[in-house]
Amino acid sequence: MGDGDSTTNDAVALVIRWDDLPKYFEDLKTAGDQAREIEKYAKDQVFDKSGFDYDLCVLKPLADMMDTCGELFGDLRETFDERWEALVASLAVSAKEIEEADGIQGQGYLKAYLDVVES
């Protein structure tokens, strides 16, 4: 190392814009809500068996599986919701810890998180 080569010795500063935190949690909620919209679309449109759920249709075996696929998609969304909520909660806790370490006691992280959870 040398000749102007900057590598591991350079300090990296973490900059947190606390004013952006409420918007960040709103965006996380929006992304989480999209999972429900995707599930509804999948069940209503993708796994709709009405187009080939009749005896003479050669694709009838697919129609027989559409409900099962829709249920599996619902199970997947429930798993996503659990993990997504845990992610958002851990981000709120991390923000709280950083806020306290920085000596900023505005508690904006908690209000932002509670606003998202309660809406």
C-alpha atoms as a PDB file:
ATOM      1  CA  MET A   1       0.000   0.000   0.000  1.00  0.00           C
ATOM      2  CA  GLY A   2       1.193   3.427  -0.686  1.00  0.00           C
ATOM      3  CA  ASP A   3       1.415   5.797  -3.617  1.00  0.00           C
ATOM      4  CA  GLY A   4      -1.967   7.293  -2.727  1.00  0.00           C
ATOM      5  CA  ASP A   5      -3.614   3.900  -2.393  1.00  0.00           C
ATOM      6  CA  SER A   6      -6.381   4.206   0.215  1.00  0.00           C
ATOM      7  CA  THR A   7      -7.682   0.921   1.508  1.00  0.00           C
ATOM      8  CA  THR A   8      -8.540  -0.421   4.917  1.00  0.00           C
ATOM      9  CA  ASN A   9      -7.181   2.490   6.939  1.00  0.00           C
ATOM     10  CA  ASP A  10      -9.823   4.918   5.735  1.00  0.00           C
ATOM     11  CA  ALA A  11     -12.623   5.539   8.211  1.00  0.00           C
ATOM     12  CA  VAL A  12     -16.167   5.276   6.942  1.00  0.00           C
ATOM     13  CA  ALA A  13     -18.751   7.526   8.527  1.00  0.00           C
ATOM     14  CA  LEU A  14     -22.310   6.350   8.946  1.00  0.00           C
ATOM     15  CA  VAL A  15     -24.651   9.252   8.335  1.00  0.00           C
ATOM     16  CA  ILE A  16     -28.223   8.894   9.506  1.00  0.00           C
ATOM     17  CA  ARG A  17     -30.771  11.445   8.423  1.00  0.00           C
ATOM     18  CA  TRP A  18     -33.316  11.168  11.195  1.00  0.00           C
ATOM     19  CA  ASP A  19     -35.811  13.322   9.319  1.00  0.00           C
ATOM     20  CA  ASP A  20     -35.964  10.614   6.625  1.00  0.00           C
ATOM     21  CA  LEU A  21     -36.762   7.815   9.073  1.00  0.00           C
ATOM     22  CA  PRO A  22     -40.570   8.209   9.048  1.00  0.00           C
ATOM     23  CA  LYS A  23     -40.567   8.090   5.237  1.00  0.00           C
ATOM     24  CA  TYR A  24     -38.325   5.028   5.347  1.00  0.00           C
ATOM     25  CA  PHE A  25     -40.798   3.175   7.566  1.00  0.00           C
ATOM     26  CA  GLU A  26     -43.679   4.287   5.325  1.00  0.00           C
ATOM     27  CA  ASP A  27     -41.825   2.857   2.337  1.00  0.00           C
ATOM     28  CA  LEU A  28     -41.231  -0.405   4.197  1.00  0.00           C
ATOM     29  CA  LYS A  29     -44.952  -0.609   4.964  1.00  0.00           C
ATOM     30  CA  THR A  30     -45.786   0.040   1.311  1.00  0.00           C
ATOM     31  CA  ALA A  31     -43.447  -2.749   0.228  1.00  0.00           C
ATOM     32  CA  GLY A  32     -44.944  -5.100   2.813  1.00  0.00           C
ATOM     33  CA  ASP A  33     -48.484  -4.268   1.686  1.00  0.00           C
ATOM     34  CA  GLN A  34     -47.554  -5.180  -1.859  1.00  0.00           C
ATOM     35  CA  ALA A  35     -47.205  -8.808  -0.752  1.00  0.00           C
ATOM     36  CA  ARG A  36     -50.953  -8.905  -0.056  1.00  0.00           C
ATOM     37  CA  GLU A  37     -51.684  -7.347  -3.436  1.00  0.00           C
ATOM     38  CA  ILE A  38     -49.459  -9.899  -5.160  1.00  0.00           C
ATOM     39  CA  GLU A  39     -51.165 -12.755  -3.326  1.00  0.00           C
ATOM     40  CA  LYS A  40     -54.613 -11.465  -4.315  1.00  0.00           C
ATOM     41  CA  TYR A  41     -53.550 -11.108  -7.937  1.00  0.00           C
ATOM     42  CA  ALA A  42     -52.059 -14.605  -7.953  1.00  0.00           C
ATOM     43  CA  LYS A  43     -55.187 -16.182  -6.478  1.00  0.00           C
ATOM     44  CA  ASP A  44     -57.632 -14.181  -8.604  1.00  0.00           C
ATOM     45  CA  GLN A  45     -55.776 -14.150 -11.909  1.00  0.00           C
ATOM     46  CA  VAL A  46     -52.866 -16.586 -12.105  1.00  0.00           C
ATOM     47  CA  PHE A  47     -54.509 -19.527 -10.346  1.00  0.00           C
ATOM     48  CA  ASP A  48     -57.985 -18.925 -11.791  1.00  0.00           C
ATOM     49  CA  LYS A  49     -59.164 -22.286 -13.065  1.00  0.00           C
ATOM     50  CA  SER A  50     -62.346 -21.052 -14.733  1.00  0.00           C
ATOM     51  CA  GLY A  51     -60.737 -21.095 -18.186  1.00  0.00           C
ATOM     52  CA  PHE A  52     -60.105 -24.828 -18.242  1.00  0.00           C
ATOM     53  CA  ASP A  53     -62.185 -26.361 -15.497  1.00  0.00           C
ATOM     54  CA  TYR A  54     -64.468 -28.426 -17.689  1.00  0.00           C
ATOM     55  CA  ASP A  55     -64.402 -32.114 -18.556  1.00  0.00           C
ATOM     56  CA  LEU A  56     -63.345 -31.865 -22.213  1.00  0.00           C
ATOM     57  CA  CYS A  57     -60.408 -29.533 -21.542  1.00  0.00           C
ATOM     58  CA  VAL A  58     -57.041 -31.208 -21.992  1.00  0.00           C
ATOM     59  CA  LEU A  59     -55.630 -28.878 -19.285  1.00  0.00           C
ATOM     60  CA  LYS A  60     -58.157 -29.973 -16.658  1.00  0.00           C
ATOM     61  CA  PRO A  61     -55.418 -31.610 -14.544  1.00  0.00           C
ATOM     62  CA  LEU A  62     -53.951 -28.121 -14.144  1.00  0.00           C
ATOM     63  CA  ALA A  63     -57.315 -26.772 -13.028  1.00  0.00           C
ATOM     64  CA  ASP A  64     -57.433 -29.449 -10.364  1.00  0.00           C
ATOM     65  CA  MET A  65     -54.173 -28.060  -8.888  1.00  0.00           C
ATOM     66  CA  MET A  66     -54.987 -24.342  -9.040  1.00  0.00           C
ATOM     67  CA  ASP A  67     -56.580 -24.187  -5.590  1.00  0.00           C
ATOM     68  CA  THR A  68     -53.587 -25.978  -4.097  1.00  0.00           C
ATOM     69  CA  CYS A  69     -51.191 -23.565  -5.790  1.00  0.00           C
ATOM     70  CA  GLY A  70     -53.205 -20.608  -4.501  1.00  0.00           C
ATOM     71  CA  GLU A  71     -53.107 -21.989  -0.966  1.00  0.00           C
ATOM     72  CA  LEU A  72     -49.344 -22.498  -1.177  1.00  0.00           C
ATOM     73  CA  PHE A  73     -48.953 -18.940  -2.399  1.00  0.00           C
ATOM     74  CA  GLY A  74     -50.982 -17.777   0.613  1.00  0.00           C
ATOM     75  CA  ASP A  75     -48.723 -19.777   2.934  1.00  0.00           C
ATOM     76  CA  LEU A  76     -45.694 -18.168   1.320  1.00  0.00           C
ATOM     77  CA  ARG A  77     -47.162 -14.703   1.878  1.00  0.00           C
ATOM     78  CA  GLU A  78     -47.798 -15.477   5.554  1.00  0.00           C
ATOM     79  CA  THR A  79     -44.166 -16.527   5.970  1.00  0.00           C
ATOM     80  CA  PHE A  80     -43.073 -13.365   4.178  1.00  0.00           C
ATOM     81  CA  ASP A  81     -45.285 -11.230   6.458  1.00  0.00           C
ATOM     82  CA  GLU A  82     -43.770 -12.752   9.599  1.00  0.00           C
ATOM     83  CA  ARG A  83     -40.222 -12.190   8.398  1.00  0.00           C
ATOM     84  CA  TRP A  84     -40.992  -8.728   7.032  1.00  0.00           C
ATOM     85  CA  GLU A  85     -42.483  -7.609  10.345  1.00  0.00           C
ATOM     86  CA  ALA A  86     -39.416  -8.933  12.162  1.00  0.00           C
ATOM     87  CA  LEU A  87     -37.153  -7.037   9.755  1.00  0.00           C
ATOM     88  CA  VAL A  88     -39.017  -3.757  10.259  1.00  0.00           C
ATOM     89  CA  ALA A  89     -39.005  -4.229  14.036  1.00  0.00           C
ATOM     90  CA  SER A  90     -35.269  -4.953  14.065  1.00  0.00           C
ATOM     91  CA  LEU A  91     -34.638  -1.823  12.000  1.00  0.00           C
ATOM     92  CA  ALA A  92     -36.607   0.201  14.538  1.00  0.00           C
ATOM     93  CA  VAL A  93     -34.582  -1.280  17.394  1.00  0.00           C
ATOM     94  CA  SER A  94     -31.321  -0.600  15.545  1.00  0.00           C
ATOM     95  CA  ALA A  95     -32.381   2.983  14.884  1.00  0.00           C
ATOM     96  CA  LYS A  96     -33.215   3.366  18.585  1.00  0.00           C
ATOM     97  CA  GLU A  97     -29.805   2.056  19.625  1.00  0.00           C
ATOM     98  CA  ILE A  98     -27.961   4.314  17.182  1.00  0.00           C
ATOM     99  CA  GLU A  99     -30.081   7.276  18.220  1.00  0.00           C
ATOM    100  CA  GLU A 100     -29.276   6.659  21.888  1.00  0.00           C
ATOM    101  CA  ALA A 101     -25.582   6.142  21.150  1.00  0.00           C
ATOM    102  CA  ASP A 102     -25.497   9.436  19.281  1.00  0.00           C
ATOM    103  CA  GLY A 103     -27.151  11.196  22.210  1.00  0.00           C
ATOM    104  CA  ILE A 104     -30.212  12.147  20.198  1.00  0.00           C
ATOM    105  CA  GLN A 105     -33.233  11.472  22.331  1.00  0.00           C
ATOM    106  CA  GLY A 106     -35.997  12.630  19.982  1.00  0.00           C
ATOM    107  CA  GLN A 107     -37.465   9.121  19.810  1.00  0.00           C
ATOM    108  CA  GLY A 108     -38.387   9.736  16.184  1.00  0.00           C
ATOM    109  CA  TYR A 109     -37.565   6.115  15.338  1.00  0.00           C
ATOM    110  CA  LEU A 110     -40.235   4.812  17.685  1.00  0.00           C
ATOM    111  CA  LYS A 111     -42.935   7.201  16.509  1.00  0.00           C
ATOM    112  CA  ALA A 112     -42.137   6.395  12.883  1.00  0.00           C
ATOM    113  CA  TYR A 113     -42.331   2.662  13.582  1.00  0.00           C
ATOM    114  CA  LEU A 114     -45.538   2.910  15.625  1.00  0.00           C
ATOM    115  CA  ASP A 115     -47.158   5.070  12.944  1.00  0.00           C
ATOM    116  CA  VAL A 116     -46.504   2.303  10.425  1.00  0.00           C
ATOM    117  CA  VAL A 117     -47.611  -0.543  12.707  1.00  0.00           C
ATOM    118  CA  GLU A 118     -50.827   1.189  13.759  1.00  0.00           C
ATOM    119  CA  SER A 119     -51.922   2.138  10.252  1.00  0.00           C
END
